[in-house]
Amino acid sequence: MKGQFADDAQAWHEGDWEPGEENGQSPGADVSGLAHIATWTPAGGVQIEKKPHGDAVAGGGGQAYLGIDED
């Protein structure tokens, strides 16, 4: 699984905030009102947040951005 999120997160980790700046993403962005749908680390890659019954927390758009393949 590798969606656009993994590429953006790698860039952000390296200090390049250009991916996403046009929609407000930056080191100082207030994301407190957003649902936590995934985490990325250099060592672990993308970790998807799941609901108690196992489905991804992310909706359709978020799943596409994360690279989740429902098939």
PDB file of N, CA and C in Angstrom:
ATOM      1  N   MET A   1       0.845  -1.172   0.000  1.00  0.00           N
ATOM      2  CA  MET A   1       0.000   0.000   0.000  1.00  0.00           C
ATOM      3  C   MET A   1       0.889   1.234   0.000  1.00  0.00           C
ATOM      4  N   LYS A   2       0.701   2.068  -0.991  1.00  0.00           N
ATOM      5  CA  LYS A   2       1.452   3.320  -1.021  1.00  0.00           C
ATOM      6  C   LYS A   2       0.654   4.338  -1.815  1.00  0.00           C
ATOM      7  N   GLY A   3      -0.071   5.167  -1.100  1.00  0.00           N
ATOM      8  CA  GLY A   3      -0.806   6.243  -1.747  1.00  0.00           C
ATOM      9  C   GLY A   3       0.000   7.528  -1.716  1.00  0.00           C
ATOM     10  N   GLN A   4      -0.630   8.608  -2.103  1.00  0.00           N
ATOM     11  CA  GLN A   4       0.020   9.917  -2.108  1.00  0.00           C
ATOM     12  C   GLN A   4       0.453  10.323  -0.704  1.00  0.00           C
ATOM     13  N   PHE A   5      -0.281   9.873   0.318  1.00  0.00           N
ATOM     14  CA  PHE A   5       0.057  10.215   1.700  1.00  0.00           C
ATOM     15  C   PHE A   5       1.487   9.824   2.053  1.00  0.00           C
ATOM     16  N   ALA A   6       1.912   8.639   1.669  1.00  0.00           N
ATOM     17  CA  ALA A   6       3.271   8.183   1.999  1.00  0.00           C
ATOM     18  C   ALA A   6       4.320   9.100   1.374  1.00  0.00           C
ATOM     19  N   ASP A   7       4.112   9.503   0.141  1.00  0.00           N
ATOM     20  CA  ASP A   7       5.053  10.419  -0.522  1.00  0.00           C
ATOM     21  C   ASP A   7       5.074  11.785   0.164  1.00  0.00           C
ATOM     22  N   ASP A   8       3.876  12.307   0.499  1.00  0.00           N
ATOM     23  CA  ASP A   8       3.796  13.599   1.177  1.00  0.00           C
ATOM     24  C   ASP A   8       4.448  13.533   2.552  1.00  0.00           C
ATOM     25  N   ALA A   9       4.162  12.487   3.308  1.00  0.00           N
ATOM     26  CA  ALA A   9       4.723  12.350   4.654  1.00  0.00           C
ATOM     27  C   ALA A   9       6.246  12.268   4.614  1.00  0.00           C
ATOM     28  N   GLN A  10       6.788  11.553   3.646  1.00  0.00           N
ATOM     29  CA  GLN A  10       8.246  11.476   3.495  1.00  0.00           C
ATOM     30  C   GLN A  10       8.820  12.872   3.240  1.00  0.00           C
ATOM     31  N   ALA A  11       8.174  13.630   2.358  1.00  0.00           N
ATOM     32  CA  ALA A  11       8.638  14.992   2.062  1.00  0.00           C
ATOM     33  C   ALA A  11       8.554  15.872   3.302  1.00  0.00           C
ATOM     34  N   TRP A  12       7.448  15.787   4.036  1.00  0.00           N
ATOM     35  CA  TRP A  12       7.284  16.604   5.242  1.00  0.00           C
ATOM     36  C   TRP A  12       8.348  16.241   6.272  1.00  0.00           C
ATOM     37  N   HIS A  13       8.609  14.957   6.419  1.00  0.00           N
ATOM     38  CA  HIS A  13       9.641  14.495   7.357  1.00  0.00           C
ATOM     39  C   HIS A  13      11.002  15.101   7.009  1.00  0.00           C
ATOM     40  N   GLU A  14      11.248  15.274   5.731  1.00  0.00           N
ATOM     41  CA  GLU A  14      12.518  15.829   5.264  1.00  0.00           C
ATOM     42  C   GLU A  14      12.512  17.363   5.234  1.00  0.00           C
ATOM     43  N   GLY A  15      11.418  17.978   5.722  1.00  0.00           N
ATOM     44  CA  GLY A  15      11.345  19.435   5.813  1.00  0.00           C
ATOM     45  C   GLY A  15      10.765  20.132   4.608  1.00  0.00           C
ATOM     46  N   ASP A  16      10.252  19.386   3.636  1.00  0.00           N
ATOM     47  CA  ASP A  16       9.661  19.969   2.432  1.00  0.00           C
ATOM     48  C   ASP A  16       8.147  20.032   2.605  1.00  0.00           C
ATOM     49  N   TRP A  17       7.622  21.206   2.929  1.00  0.00           N
ATOM     50  CA  TRP A  17       6.185  21.351   3.153  1.00  0.00           C
ATOM     51  C   TRP A  17       5.432  21.743   1.893  1.00  0.00           C
ATOM     52  N   GLU A  18       6.097  21.783   0.753  1.00  0.00           N
ATOM     53  CA  GLU A  18       5.425  22.128  -0.499  1.00  0.00           C
ATOM     54  C   GLU A  18       4.254  21.194  -0.779  1.00  0.00           C
ATOM     55  N   PRO A  19       4.393  19.877  -0.604  1.00  0.00           N
ATOM     56  CA  PRO A  19       3.203  19.045  -0.842  1.00  0.00           C
ATOM     57  C   PRO A  19       2.129  19.395   0.189  1.00  0.00           C
ATOM     58  N   GLY A  20       1.056  19.984  -0.253  1.00  0.00           N
ATOM     59  CA  GLY A  20      -0.056  20.282   0.635  1.00  0.00           C
ATOM     60  C   GLY A  20      -0.127  21.715   1.134  1.00  0.00           C
ATOM     61  N   GLU A  21       0.858  22.550   0.878  1.00  0.00           N
ATOM     62  CA  GLU A  21       0.802  23.926   1.386  1.00  0.00           C
ATOM     63  C   GLU A  21      -0.399  24.685   0.848  1.00  0.00           C
ATOM     64  N   GLU A  22      -0.795  24.408  -0.379  1.00  0.00           N
ATOM     65  CA  GLU A  22      -1.914  25.135  -0.971  1.00  0.00           C
ATOM     66  C   GLU A  22      -3.228  24.857  -0.251  1.00  0.00           C
ATOM     67  N   ASN A  23      -3.307  23.770   0.518  1.00  0.00           N
ATOM     68  CA  ASN A  23      -4.533  23.499   1.272  1.00  0.00           C
ATOM     69  C   ASN A  23      -4.309  23.596   2.779  1.00  0.00           C
ATOM     70  N   GLY A  24      -3.296  24.368   3.183  1.00  0.00           N
ATOM     71  CA  GLY A  24      -3.123  24.706   4.582  1.00  0.00           C
ATOM     72  C   GLY A  24      -2.234  23.793   5.404  1.00  0.00           C
ATOM     73  N   GLN A  25      -1.625  22.788   4.806  1.00  0.00           N
ATOM     74  CA  GLN A  25      -0.772  21.886   5.567  1.00  0.00           C
ATOM     75  C   GLN A  25       0.598  22.523   5.759  1.00  0.00           C
ATOM     76  N   SER A  26       1.004  22.621   7.001  1.00  0.00           N
ATOM     77  CA  SER A  26       2.300  23.193   7.350  1.00  0.00           C
ATOM     78  C   SER A  26       2.641  22.740   8.767  1.00  0.00           C
ATOM     79  N   PRO A  27       3.868  22.938   9.208  1.00  0.00           N
ATOM     80  CA  PRO A  27       4.220  22.512  10.565  1.00  0.00           C
ATOM     81  C   PRO A  27       3.355  23.159  11.646  1.00  0.00           C
ATOM     82  N   GLY A  28       2.826  24.354  11.387  1.00  0.00           N
ATOM     83  CA  GLY A  28       2.016  25.045  12.386  1.00  0.00           C
ATOM     84  C   GLY A  28       0.519  24.927  12.179  1.00  0.00           C
ATOM     85  N   ALA A  29       0.079  24.093  11.262  1.00  0.00           N
ATOM     86  CA  ALA A  29      -1.350  23.966  10.962  1.00  0.00           C
ATOM     87  C   ALA A  29      -2.113  23.408  12.163  1.00  0.00           C
ATOM     88  N   ASP A  30      -3.308  23.949  12.415  1.00  0.00           N
ATOM     89  CA  ASP A  30      -4.169  23.442  13.485  1.00  0.00           C
ATOM     90  C   ASP A  30      -4.981  22.279  12.927  1.00  0.00           C
ATOM     91  N   VAL A  31      -4.634  21.082  13.325  1.00  0.00           N
ATOM     92  CA  VAL A  31      -5.323  19.882  12.843  1.00  0.00           C
ATOM     93  C   VAL A  31      -6.178  19.252  13.940  1.00  0.00           C
ATOM     94  N   SER A  32      -6.420  20.000  15.013  1.00  0.00           N
ATOM     95  CA  SER A  32      -7.152  19.452  16.156  1.00  0.00           C
ATOM     96  C   SER A  32      -8.578  19.038  15.808  1.00  0.00           C
ATOM     97  N   GLY A  33      -9.168  19.642  14.785  1.00  0.00           N
ATOM     98  CA  GLY A  33     -10.528  19.296  14.412  1.00  0.00           C
ATOM     99  C   GLY A  33     -10.636  18.181  13.384  1.00  0.00           C
ATOM    100  N   LEU A  34      -9.513  17.633  12.958  1.00  0.00           N
ATOM    101  CA  LEU A  34      -9.519  16.582  11.939  1.00  0.00           C
ATOM    102  C   LEU A  34      -9.464  15.190  12.572  1.00  0.00           C
ATOM    103  N   ALA A  35     -10.131  14.239  11.936  1.00  0.00           N
ATOM    104  CA  ALA A  35     -10.052  12.849  12.395  1.00  0.00           C
ATOM    105  C   ALA A  35      -8.657  12.300  12.107  1.00  0.00           C
ATOM    106  N   HIS A  36      -8.116  11.555  13.052  1.00  0.00           N
ATOM    107  CA  HIS A  36      -6.810  10.917  12.863  1.00  0.00           C
ATOM    108  C   HIS A  36      -7.044   9.637  12.060  1.00  0.00           C
ATOM    109  N   ILE A  37      -6.554   9.595  10.809  1.00  0.00           N
ATOM    110  CA  ILE A  37      -6.824   8.436   9.956  1.00  0.00           C
ATOM    111  C   ILE A  37      -5.593   7.575   9.699  1.00  0.00           C
ATOM    112  N   ALA A  38      -4.398   8.132   9.928  1.00  0.00           N
ATOM    113  CA  ALA A  38      -3.183   7.352   9.670  1.00  0.00           C
ATOM    114  C   ALA A  38      -1.974   8.058  10.268  1.00  0.00           C
ATOM    115  N   THR A  39      -0.914   7.293  10.423  1.00  0.00           N
ATOM    116  CA  THR A  39       0.374   7.800  10.885  1.00  0.00           C
ATOM    117  C   THR A  39       1.434   7.278   9.933  1.00  0.00           C
ATOM    118  N   TRP A  40       2.483   8.048   9.740  1.00  0.00           N
ATOM    119  CA  TRP A  40       3.614   7.609   8.926  1.00  0.00           C
ATOM    120  C   TRP A  40       4.888   7.844   9.707  1.00  0.00           C
ATOM    121  N   THR A  41       5.790   6.860   9.697  1.00  0.00           N
ATOM    122  CA  THR A  41       7.133   7.018  10.248  1.00  0.00           C
ATOM    123  C   THR A  41       8.113   6.434   9.242  1.00  0.00           C
ATOM    124  N   PRO A  42       9.365   6.911   9.246  1.00  0.00           N
ATOM    125  CA  PRO A  42      10.349   6.346   8.320  1.00  0.00           C
ATOM    126  C   PRO A  42      10.533   4.841   8.522  1.00  0.00           C
ATOM    127  N   ALA A  43      10.514   4.405   9.759  1.00  0.00           N
ATOM    128  CA  ALA A  43      10.745   2.984  10.040  1.00  0.00           C
ATOM    129  C   ALA A  43       9.527   2.110   9.780  1.00  0.00           C
ATOM    130  N   GLY A  44       8.342   2.620  10.109  1.00  0.00           N
ATOM    131  CA  GLY A  44       7.139   1.797  10.024  1.00  0.00           C
ATOM    132  C   GLY A  44       6.276   2.023   8.812  1.00  0.00           C
ATOM    133  N   GLY A  45       6.529   3.093   8.069  1.00  0.00           N
ATOM    134  CA  GLY A  45       5.681   3.398   6.923  1.00  0.00           C
ATOM    135  C   GLY A  45       4.306   3.867   7.366  1.00  0.00           C
ATOM    136  N   VAL A  46       3.297   3.573   6.582  1.00  0.00           N
ATOM    137  CA  VAL A  46       1.927   4.011   6.851  1.00  0.00           C
ATOM    138  C   VAL A  46       1.241   3.018   7.786  1.00  0.00           C
ATOM    139  N   GLN A  47       0.660   3.550   8.849  1.00  0.00           N
ATOM    140  CA  GLN A  47      -0.157   2.767   9.772  1.00  0.00           C
ATOM    141  C   GLN A  47      -1.565   3.358   9.730  1.00  0.00           C
ATOM    142  N   ILE A  48      -2.534   2.559   9.315  1.00  0.00           N
ATOM    143  CA  ILE A  48      -3.913   3.008   9.141  1.00  0.00           C
ATOM    144  C   ILE A  48      -4.682   2.866  10.450  1.00  0.00           C
ATOM    145  N   GLU A  49      -5.401   3.919  10.838  1.00  0.00           N
ATOM    146  CA  GLU A  49      -6.274   3.856  12.011  1.00  0.00           C
ATOM    147  C   GLU A  49      -7.523   3.065  11.636  1.00  0.00           C
ATOM    148  N   LYS A  50      -7.929   2.168  12.527  1.00  0.00           N
ATOM    149  CA  LYS A  50      -9.093   1.308  12.277  1.00  0.00           C
ATOM    150  C   LYS A  50     -10.187   1.562  13.303  1.00  0.00           C
ATOM    151  N   LYS A  51     -11.419   1.360  12.893  1.00  0.00           N
ATOM    152  CA  LYS A  51     -12.562   1.387  13.799  1.00  0.00           C
ATOM    153  C   LYS A  51     -12.562   0.072  14.583  1.00  0.00           C
ATOM    154  N   PRO A  52     -13.317   0.001  15.687  1.00  0.00           N
ATOM    155  CA  PRO A  52     -13.326  -1.232  16.483  1.00  0.00           C
ATOM    156  C   PRO A  52     -13.682  -2.493  15.687  1.00  0.00           C
ATOM    157  N   HIS A  53     -14.501  -2.374  14.653  1.00  0.00           N
ATOM    158  CA  HIS A  53     -14.887  -3.549  13.865  1.00  0.00           C
ATOM    159  C   HIS A  53     -13.942  -3.812  12.692  1.00  0.00           C
ATOM    160  N   GLY A  54     -12.861  -3.031  12.580  1.00  0.00           N
ATOM    161  CA  GLY A  54     -11.822  -3.335  11.600  1.00  0.00           C
ATOM    162  C   GLY A  54     -11.778  -2.484  10.352  1.00  0.00           C
ATOM    163  N   ASP A  55     -12.837  -1.722  10.071  1.00  0.00           N
ATOM    164  CA  ASP A  55     -12.822  -0.849   8.893  1.00  0.00           C
ATOM    165  C   ASP A  55     -11.914   0.353   9.134  1.00  0.00           C
ATOM    166  N   ALA A  56     -11.387   0.901   8.068  1.00  0.00           N
ATOM    167  CA  ALA A  56     -10.557   2.100   8.173  1.00  0.00           C
ATOM    168  C   ALA A  56     -11.393   3.277   8.663  1.00  0.00           C
ATOM    169  N   VAL A  57     -10.801   4.131   9.488  1.00  0.00           N
ATOM    170  CA  VAL A  57     -11.466   5.346   9.956  1.00  0.00           C
ATOM    171  C   VAL A  57     -11.718   6.287   8.782  1.00  0.00           C
ATOM    172  N   ALA A  58     -10.812   6.322   7.831  1.00  0.00           N
ATOM    173  CA  ALA A  58     -10.903   7.232   6.687  1.00  0.00           C
ATOM    174  C   ALA A  58     -12.107   6.915   5.808  1.00  0.00           C
ATOM    175  N   GLY A  59     -12.711   7.978   5.283  1.00  0.00           N
ATOM    176  CA  GLY A  59     -13.769   7.821   4.299  1.00  0.00           C
ATOM    177  C   GLY A  59     -13.170   7.543   2.927  1.00  0.00           C
ATOM    178  N   GLY A  60     -13.982   7.595   1.898  1.00  0.00           N
ATOM    179  CA  GLY A  60     -13.531   7.268   0.545  1.00  0.00           C
ATOM    180  C   GLY A  60     -12.374   8.105   0.045  1.00  0.00           C
ATOM    181  N   GLY A  61     -12.454   9.426   0.219  1.00  0.00           N
ATOM    182  CA  GLY A  61     -11.371  10.305  -0.229  1.00  0.00           C
ATOM    183  C   GLY A  61     -10.091  10.060   0.545  1.00  0.00           C
ATOM    184  N   GLY A  62     -10.223   9.883   1.854  1.00  0.00           N
ATOM    185  CA  GLY A  62      -9.053   9.597   2.684  1.00  0.00           C
ATOM    186  C   GLY A  62      -8.417   8.269   2.330  1.00  0.00           C
ATOM    187  N   GLN A  63      -9.244   7.276   2.049  1.00  0.00           N
ATOM    188  CA  GLN A  63      -8.715   5.968   1.670  1.00  0.00           C
ATOM    189  C   GLN A  63      -7.952   6.048   0.358  1.00  0.00           C
ATOM    190  N   ALA A  64      -8.460   6.822  -0.590  1.00  0.00           N
ATOM    191  CA  ALA A  64      -7.747   6.981  -1.863  1.00  0.00           C
ATOM    192  C   ALA A  64      -6.399   7.660  -1.631  1.00  0.00           C
ATOM    193  N   TYR A  65      -6.373   8.693  -0.790  1.00  0.00           N
ATOM    194  CA  TYR A  65      -5.135   9.416  -0.484  1.00  0.00           C
ATOM    195  C   TYR A  65      -4.130   8.504   0.223  1.00  0.00           C
ATOM    196  N   LEU A  66      -4.630   7.633   1.087  1.00  0.00           N
ATOM    197  CA  LEU A  66      -3.757   6.709   1.812  1.00  0.00           C
ATOM    198  C   LEU A  66      -3.307   5.533   0.950  1.00  0.00           C
ATOM    199  N   GLY A  67      -4.037   5.250  -0.118  1.00  0.00           N
ATOM    200  CA  GLY A  67      -3.682   4.130  -0.983  1.00  0.00           C
ATOM    201  C   GLY A  67      -4.293   2.817  -0.552  1.00  0.00           C
ATOM    202  N   ILE A  68      -5.418   2.895   0.163  1.00  0.00           N
ATOM    203  CA  ILE A  68      -6.099   1.684   0.614  1.00  0.00           C
ATOM    204  C   ILE A  68      -6.852   1.085  -0.562  1.00  0.00           C
ATOM    205  N   ASP A  69      -6.587  -0.165  -0.836  1.00  0.00           N
ATOM    206  CA  ASP A  69      -7.267  -0.884  -1.912  1.00  0.00           C
ATOM    207  C   ASP A  69      -8.325  -1.765  -1.274  1.00  0.00           C
ATOM    208  N   GLU A  70      -9.597  -1.462  -1.540  1.00  0.00           N
ATOM    209  CA  GLU A  70     -10.684  -2.211  -0.922  1.00  0.00           C
ATOM    210  C   GLU A  70     -10.945  -3.549  -1.590  1.00  0.00           C
ATOM    211  N   ASP A  71     -10.315  -3.817  -2.709  1.00  0.00           N
ATOM    212  CA  ASP A  71     -10.566  -5.088  -3.413  1.00  0.00           C
ATOM    213  C   ASP A  71      -9.823  -6.226  -2.764  1.00  0.00           C
TER     214      ASP A  71
END
